[in-house]
Amino acid sequence: MTIVSPPPLVVRSEEELRAYVAKHWNPPKPAPAPLRIIHVAADLEVGDYLRRPGGQTDVLITHLNPPTREETLVEGRREVWSYSSCWVFDADEPVQAYTRDDAAVTHG
């Protein structure tokens, strides 16, 4: 089987076409992100899920103030936002949370 592509006219064998498609349409997968374990409020990032105290539902973190771990440790506290709800934690306060990558795993 020979496949002819549009102008400029290039005739490729099936093997050449498969190699071309494999190279350009199936890029290698990116390396997996390093394992991130959340222990305290300063470790949280946007996109993580926070398990609310008392075993209530888990919420998606949409905004953090201060935004970085380093700024949180300097300030000593952090506002954790999920849409219009906010919780305030001390920077070194333990939290129950998990990353977006872990969301597919059943937590219970």
N, C-alpha and C. Protein backbone atom coordinates (compact mmCIF):
# COMPACT_ATOMS: atom_id res chain seq x y z
N MET A 1 0.85 -1.17 0.00
CA MET A 1 0.00 0.00 0.00
C MET A 1 0.90 1.24 0.00
N THR A 2 0.61 2.18 -0.89
CA THR A 2 1.35 3.42 -0.97
C THR A 2 0.37 4.57 -0.76
N ILE A 3 0.77 5.53 0.07
CA ILE A 3 -0.08 6.67 0.37
C ILE A 3 0.56 7.92 -0.20
N VAL A 4 -0.23 8.72 -0.89
CA VAL A 4 0.26 9.94 -1.51
C VAL A 4 -0.31 11.11 -0.73
N SER A 5 0.59 11.98 -0.23
CA SER A 5 0.12 13.15 0.53
C SER A 5 -0.08 14.33 -0.41
N PRO A 6 -0.79 15.37 0.05
CA PRO A 6 -1.03 16.55 -0.81
C PRO A 6 0.27 17.24 -1.19
N PRO A 7 0.19 18.17 -2.20
CA PRO A 7 1.40 18.84 -2.68
C PRO A 7 2.18 19.47 -1.54
N PRO A 8 3.47 19.55 -1.54
CA PRO A 8 4.31 18.97 -2.58
C PRO A 8 4.20 17.45 -2.53
N LEU A 9 4.17 16.87 -3.67
CA LEU A 9 3.91 15.45 -3.82
C LEU A 9 5.03 14.63 -3.16
N VAL A 10 4.64 13.85 -2.16
CA VAL A 10 5.59 12.99 -1.47
C VAL A 10 4.96 11.60 -1.40
N VAL A 11 5.68 10.65 -1.88
CA VAL A 11 5.20 9.28 -1.84
C VAL A 11 5.94 8.57 -0.72
N ARG A 12 5.18 7.99 0.20
CA ARG A 12 5.79 7.31 1.33
C ARG A 12 5.25 5.89 1.41
N SER A 13 6.10 5.03 1.85
CA SER A 13 5.65 3.66 2.08
C SER A 13 4.87 3.64 3.39
N GLU A 14 4.19 2.57 3.61
CA GLU A 14 3.40 2.44 4.84
C GLU A 14 4.31 2.49 6.08
N GLU A 15 5.48 1.88 5.98
CA GLU A 15 6.41 1.89 7.11
C GLU A 15 6.91 3.30 7.41
N GLU A 16 7.23 4.07 6.33
CA GLU A 16 7.68 5.44 6.52
C GLU A 16 6.57 6.29 7.15
N LEU A 17 5.35 6.08 6.69
CA LEU A 17 4.22 6.83 7.23
C LEU A 17 4.00 6.49 8.70
N ARG A 18 4.08 5.23 9.06
CA ARG A 18 3.92 4.83 10.47
C ARG A 18 5.01 5.47 11.34
N ALA A 19 6.24 5.48 10.84
CA ALA A 19 7.34 6.08 11.59
C ALA A 19 7.12 7.58 11.76
N TYR A 20 6.66 8.25 10.70
CA TYR A 20 6.39 9.69 10.75
C TYR A 20 5.29 9.99 11.78
N VAL A 21 4.20 9.23 11.72
CA VAL A 21 3.09 9.44 12.65
C VAL A 21 3.54 9.17 14.08
N ALA A 22 4.28 8.11 14.29
CA ALA A 22 4.76 7.78 15.64
C ALA A 22 5.64 8.89 16.19
N LYS A 23 6.44 9.49 15.32
CA LYS A 23 7.36 10.54 15.77
C LYS A 23 6.64 11.86 16.05
N HIS A 24 5.70 12.25 15.18
CA HIS A 24 5.10 13.58 15.28
C HIS A 24 3.74 13.61 15.97
N TRP A 25 2.99 12.54 15.96
CA TRP A 25 1.65 12.57 16.54
C TRP A 25 1.56 11.86 17.87
N ASN A 26 2.56 11.13 18.22
CA ASN A 26 2.59 10.42 19.49
C ASN A 26 3.84 10.83 20.27
N PRO A 27 3.88 12.08 20.73
CA PRO A 27 5.08 12.51 21.44
C PRO A 27 5.24 11.70 22.73
N PRO A 28 6.46 11.60 23.22
CA PRO A 28 6.67 10.85 24.46
C PRO A 28 5.93 11.52 25.62
N LYS A 29 5.47 10.71 26.54
CA LYS A 29 4.76 11.24 27.70
C LYS A 29 5.75 11.96 28.60
N PRO A 30 5.32 13.07 29.23
CA PRO A 30 6.21 13.77 30.14
C PRO A 30 6.51 12.90 31.36
N ALA A 31 7.62 13.19 31.98
CA ALA A 31 8.00 12.45 33.18
C ALA A 31 6.95 12.70 34.27
N PRO A 32 6.68 11.72 35.10
CA PRO A 32 5.70 11.92 36.16
C PRO A 32 6.20 12.98 37.15
N ALA A 33 5.25 13.71 37.70
CA ALA A 33 5.60 14.73 38.68
C ALA A 33 6.16 14.07 39.93
N PRO A 34 7.09 14.74 40.60
CA PRO A 34 7.63 14.14 41.81
C PRO A 34 6.53 14.01 42.87
N LEU A 35 6.65 13.00 43.70
CA LEU A 35 5.68 12.75 44.76
C LEU A 35 5.66 13.92 45.72
N ARG A 36 4.48 14.42 45.99
CA ARG A 36 4.32 15.56 46.90
C ARG A 36 3.38 15.15 48.02
N ILE A 37 3.86 15.20 49.25
CA ILE A 37 3.06 14.84 50.41
C ILE A 37 2.71 16.12 51.15
N ILE A 38 1.45 16.26 51.48
CA ILE A 38 0.96 17.47 52.15
C ILE A 38 0.81 17.15 53.63
N HIS A 39 1.58 17.87 54.46
CA HIS A 39 1.51 17.68 55.91
C HIS A 39 0.87 18.88 56.60
N VAL A 40 1.28 20.08 56.19
CA VAL A 40 0.81 21.30 56.86
C VAL A 40 0.22 22.27 55.83
N ALA A 41 -0.45 23.30 56.30
CA ALA A 41 -1.11 24.26 55.43
C ALA A 41 -0.15 24.92 54.44
N ALA A 42 1.10 25.10 54.83
CA ALA A 42 2.07 25.73 53.93
C ALA A 42 2.37 24.85 52.72
N ASP A 43 2.10 23.55 52.79
CA ASP A 43 2.37 22.63 51.69
C ASP A 43 1.28 22.64 50.62
N LEU A 44 0.14 23.27 50.88
CA LEU A 44 -0.99 23.25 49.95
C LEU A 44 -0.68 24.04 48.68
N GLU A 45 -1.26 23.59 47.56
CA GLU A 45 -1.17 24.31 46.29
C GLU A 45 -2.56 24.37 45.66
N VAL A 46 -2.76 25.35 44.77
CA VAL A 46 -4.02 25.44 44.05
C VAL A 46 -4.20 24.16 43.25
N GLY A 47 -5.40 23.59 43.30
CA GLY A 47 -5.69 22.34 42.62
C GLY A 47 -5.70 21.14 43.55
N ASP A 48 -5.17 21.31 44.76
CA ASP A 48 -5.22 20.23 45.75
C ASP A 48 -6.64 20.14 46.31
N TYR A 49 -6.93 19.03 46.97
CA TYR A 49 -8.21 18.84 47.63
C TYR A 49 -7.99 18.84 49.14
N LEU A 50 -8.79 19.61 49.86
CA LEU A 50 -8.70 19.73 51.30
C LEU A 50 -9.86 18.97 51.92
N ARG A 51 -9.54 18.07 52.84
CA ARG A 51 -10.58 17.37 53.58
C ARG A 51 -10.95 18.26 54.76
N ARG A 52 -12.19 18.71 54.77
CA ARG A 52 -12.62 19.64 55.80
C ARG A 52 -12.68 18.96 57.15
N PRO A 53 -12.41 19.69 58.22
CA PRO A 53 -12.45 19.12 59.57
C PRO A 53 -13.82 18.53 59.88
N GLY A 54 -13.85 17.46 60.65
CA GLY A 54 -15.10 16.83 61.02
C GLY A 54 -15.58 15.82 60.00
N GLY A 55 -14.74 15.48 59.00
CA GLY A 55 -15.11 14.48 58.02
C GLY A 55 -16.12 14.94 57.00
N GLN A 56 -16.29 16.25 56.86
CA GLN A 56 -17.21 16.76 55.86
C GLN A 56 -16.62 16.54 54.47
N THR A 57 -17.29 17.04 53.45
CA THR A 57 -16.85 16.82 52.08
C THR A 57 -15.48 17.45 51.82
N ASP A 58 -14.77 16.89 50.82
CA ASP A 58 -13.50 17.44 50.38
C ASP A 58 -13.78 18.60 49.44
N VAL A 59 -12.93 19.63 49.48
CA VAL A 59 -13.13 20.80 48.64
C VAL A 59 -11.88 21.04 47.79
N LEU A 60 -12.09 21.56 46.59
CA LEU A 60 -11.01 21.90 45.67
C LEU A 60 -10.46 23.27 46.05
N ILE A 61 -9.15 23.37 46.19
CA ILE A 61 -8.52 24.65 46.53
C ILE A 61 -8.39 25.47 45.24
N THR A 62 -9.00 26.67 45.23
CA THR A 62 -8.99 27.51 44.04
C THR A 62 -8.09 28.73 44.18
N HIS A 63 -7.75 29.11 45.42
CA HIS A 63 -6.91 30.29 45.63
C HIS A 63 -6.23 30.16 46.99
N LEU A 64 -5.01 30.65 47.07
CA LEU A 64 -4.26 30.65 48.33
C LEU A 64 -3.71 32.04 48.58
N ASN A 65 -3.77 32.47 49.83
CA ASN A 65 -3.23 33.77 50.20
C ASN A 65 -2.48 33.63 51.51
N PRO A 66 -1.18 33.79 51.53
CA PRO A 66 -0.24 34.06 50.46
C PRO A 66 -0.09 32.85 49.52
N PRO A 67 0.29 33.12 48.27
CA PRO A 67 0.27 32.07 47.25
C PRO A 67 1.39 31.03 47.34
N THR A 68 2.53 31.37 47.92
CA THR A 68 3.65 30.42 47.93
C THR A 68 3.93 29.90 49.33
N ARG A 69 4.60 28.76 49.37
CA ARG A 69 4.95 28.13 50.65
C ARG A 69 5.88 29.04 51.46
N GLU A 70 6.86 29.61 50.78
CA GLU A 70 7.84 30.45 51.47
C GLU A 70 7.18 31.68 52.10
N GLU A 71 6.30 32.34 51.36
CA GLU A 71 5.59 33.51 51.90
C GLU A 71 4.68 33.12 53.06
N THR A 72 4.09 31.95 52.98
CA THR A 72 3.22 31.47 54.05
C THR A 72 4.02 31.25 55.33
N LEU A 73 5.19 30.65 55.21
CA LEU A 73 6.03 30.41 56.38
C LEU A 73 6.50 31.72 57.01
N VAL A 74 6.77 32.72 56.19
CA VAL A 74 7.18 34.02 56.72
C VAL A 74 6.02 34.70 57.43
N GLU A 75 4.84 34.69 56.82
CA GLU A 75 3.67 35.34 57.40
C GLU A 75 3.10 34.56 58.59
N GLY A 76 3.22 33.24 58.56
CA GLY A 76 2.76 32.42 59.67
C GLY A 76 1.31 31.97 59.58
N ARG A 77 0.59 32.37 58.55
CA ARG A 77 -0.81 31.97 58.38
C ARG A 77 -1.13 31.92 56.90
N ARG A 78 -2.24 31.25 56.57
CA ARG A 78 -2.62 31.13 55.17
C ARG A 78 -4.14 31.02 55.05
N GLU A 79 -4.68 31.80 54.10
CA GLU A 79 -6.09 31.69 53.74
C GLU A 79 -6.20 30.66 52.62
N VAL A 80 -7.07 29.68 52.81
CA VAL A 80 -7.29 28.64 51.81
C VAL A 80 -8.71 28.84 51.28
N TRP A 81 -8.80 29.12 49.98
CA TRP A 81 -10.09 29.42 49.36
C TRP A 81 -10.55 28.27 48.47
N SER A 82 -11.84 28.00 48.53
CA SER A 82 -12.50 27.10 47.60
C SER A 82 -13.71 27.87 47.09
N TYR A 83 -13.54 28.44 45.91
CA TYR A 83 -14.55 29.31 45.32
C TYR A 83 -14.84 30.46 46.28
N SER A 84 -15.98 30.53 46.94
CA SER A 84 -16.27 31.67 47.81
C SER A 84 -16.14 31.33 49.29
N SER A 85 -15.69 30.13 49.62
CA SER A 85 -15.49 29.73 51.02
C SER A 85 -14.02 29.87 51.37
N CYS A 86 -13.76 30.25 52.62
CA CYS A 86 -12.39 30.49 53.05
C CYS A 86 -12.16 29.88 54.43
N TRP A 87 -10.99 29.29 54.61
CA TRP A 87 -10.56 28.79 55.90
C TRP A 87 -9.18 29.36 56.16
N VAL A 88 -8.90 29.72 57.40
CA VAL A 88 -7.60 30.29 57.75
C VAL A 88 -6.86 29.27 58.62
N PHE A 89 -5.63 28.98 58.23
CA PHE A 89 -4.79 28.02 58.95
C PHE A 89 -3.48 28.68 59.34
N ASP A 90 -2.90 28.22 60.45
CA ASP A 90 -1.53 28.58 60.76
C ASP A 90 -0.65 27.88 59.74
N ALA A 91 0.49 28.45 59.41
CA ALA A 91 1.36 27.89 58.38
C ALA A 91 1.79 26.47 58.70
N ASP A 92 2.03 26.20 60.01
CA ASP A 92 2.51 24.87 60.40
C ASP A 92 1.39 23.98 60.95
N GLU A 93 0.13 24.38 60.72
CA GLU A 93 -1.01 23.60 61.20
C GLU A 93 -1.20 22.36 60.32
N PRO A 94 -1.31 21.18 60.94
CA PRO A 94 -1.52 19.96 60.14
C PRO A 94 -2.87 20.01 59.41
N VAL A 95 -2.87 19.54 58.16
CA VAL A 95 -4.11 19.48 57.38
C VAL A 95 -4.22 18.10 56.74
N GLN A 96 -5.45 17.71 56.45
CA GLN A 96 -5.69 16.49 55.69
C GLN A 96 -6.04 16.92 54.28
N ALA A 97 -5.15 16.63 53.34
CA ALA A 97 -5.34 17.06 51.96
C ALA A 97 -4.63 16.08 51.04
N TYR A 98 -4.98 16.14 49.77
CA TYR A 98 -4.33 15.30 48.78
C TYR A 98 -4.26 16.04 47.46
N THR A 99 -3.32 15.62 46.62
CA THR A 99 -3.09 16.30 45.35
C THR A 99 -4.13 15.87 44.32
N ARG A 100 -4.22 16.63 43.25
CA ARG A 100 -5.14 16.31 42.16
C ARG A 100 -4.81 14.93 41.56
N ASP A 101 -3.53 14.59 41.50
CA ASP A 101 -3.14 13.28 40.96
C ASP A 101 -3.65 12.13 41.82
N ASP A 102 -3.80 12.38 43.11
CA ASP A 102 -4.28 11.35 44.02
C ASP A 102 -5.79 11.29 44.08
N ALA A 103 -6.48 12.20 43.40
CA ALA A 103 -7.94 12.26 43.49
C ALA A 103 -8.61 11.02 42.93
N ALA A 104 -7.95 10.33 42.02
CA ALA A 104 -8.54 9.13 41.43
C ALA A 104 -8.52 7.95 42.40
N VAL A 105 -7.68 8.07 43.43
CA VAL A 105 -7.58 7.02 44.43
C VAL A 105 -8.69 7.22 45.45
N THR A 106 -9.34 6.17 45.84
CA THR A 106 -10.42 6.28 46.82
C THR A 106 -9.84 6.58 48.18
N HIS A 107 -10.32 7.65 48.78
CA HIS A 107 -9.89 8.01 50.13
C HIS A 107 -11.03 7.70 51.08
N GLY A 108 -10.73 7.16 52.20
CA GLY A 108 -11.82 6.89 53.12
C GLY A 108 -11.30 6.53 54.41
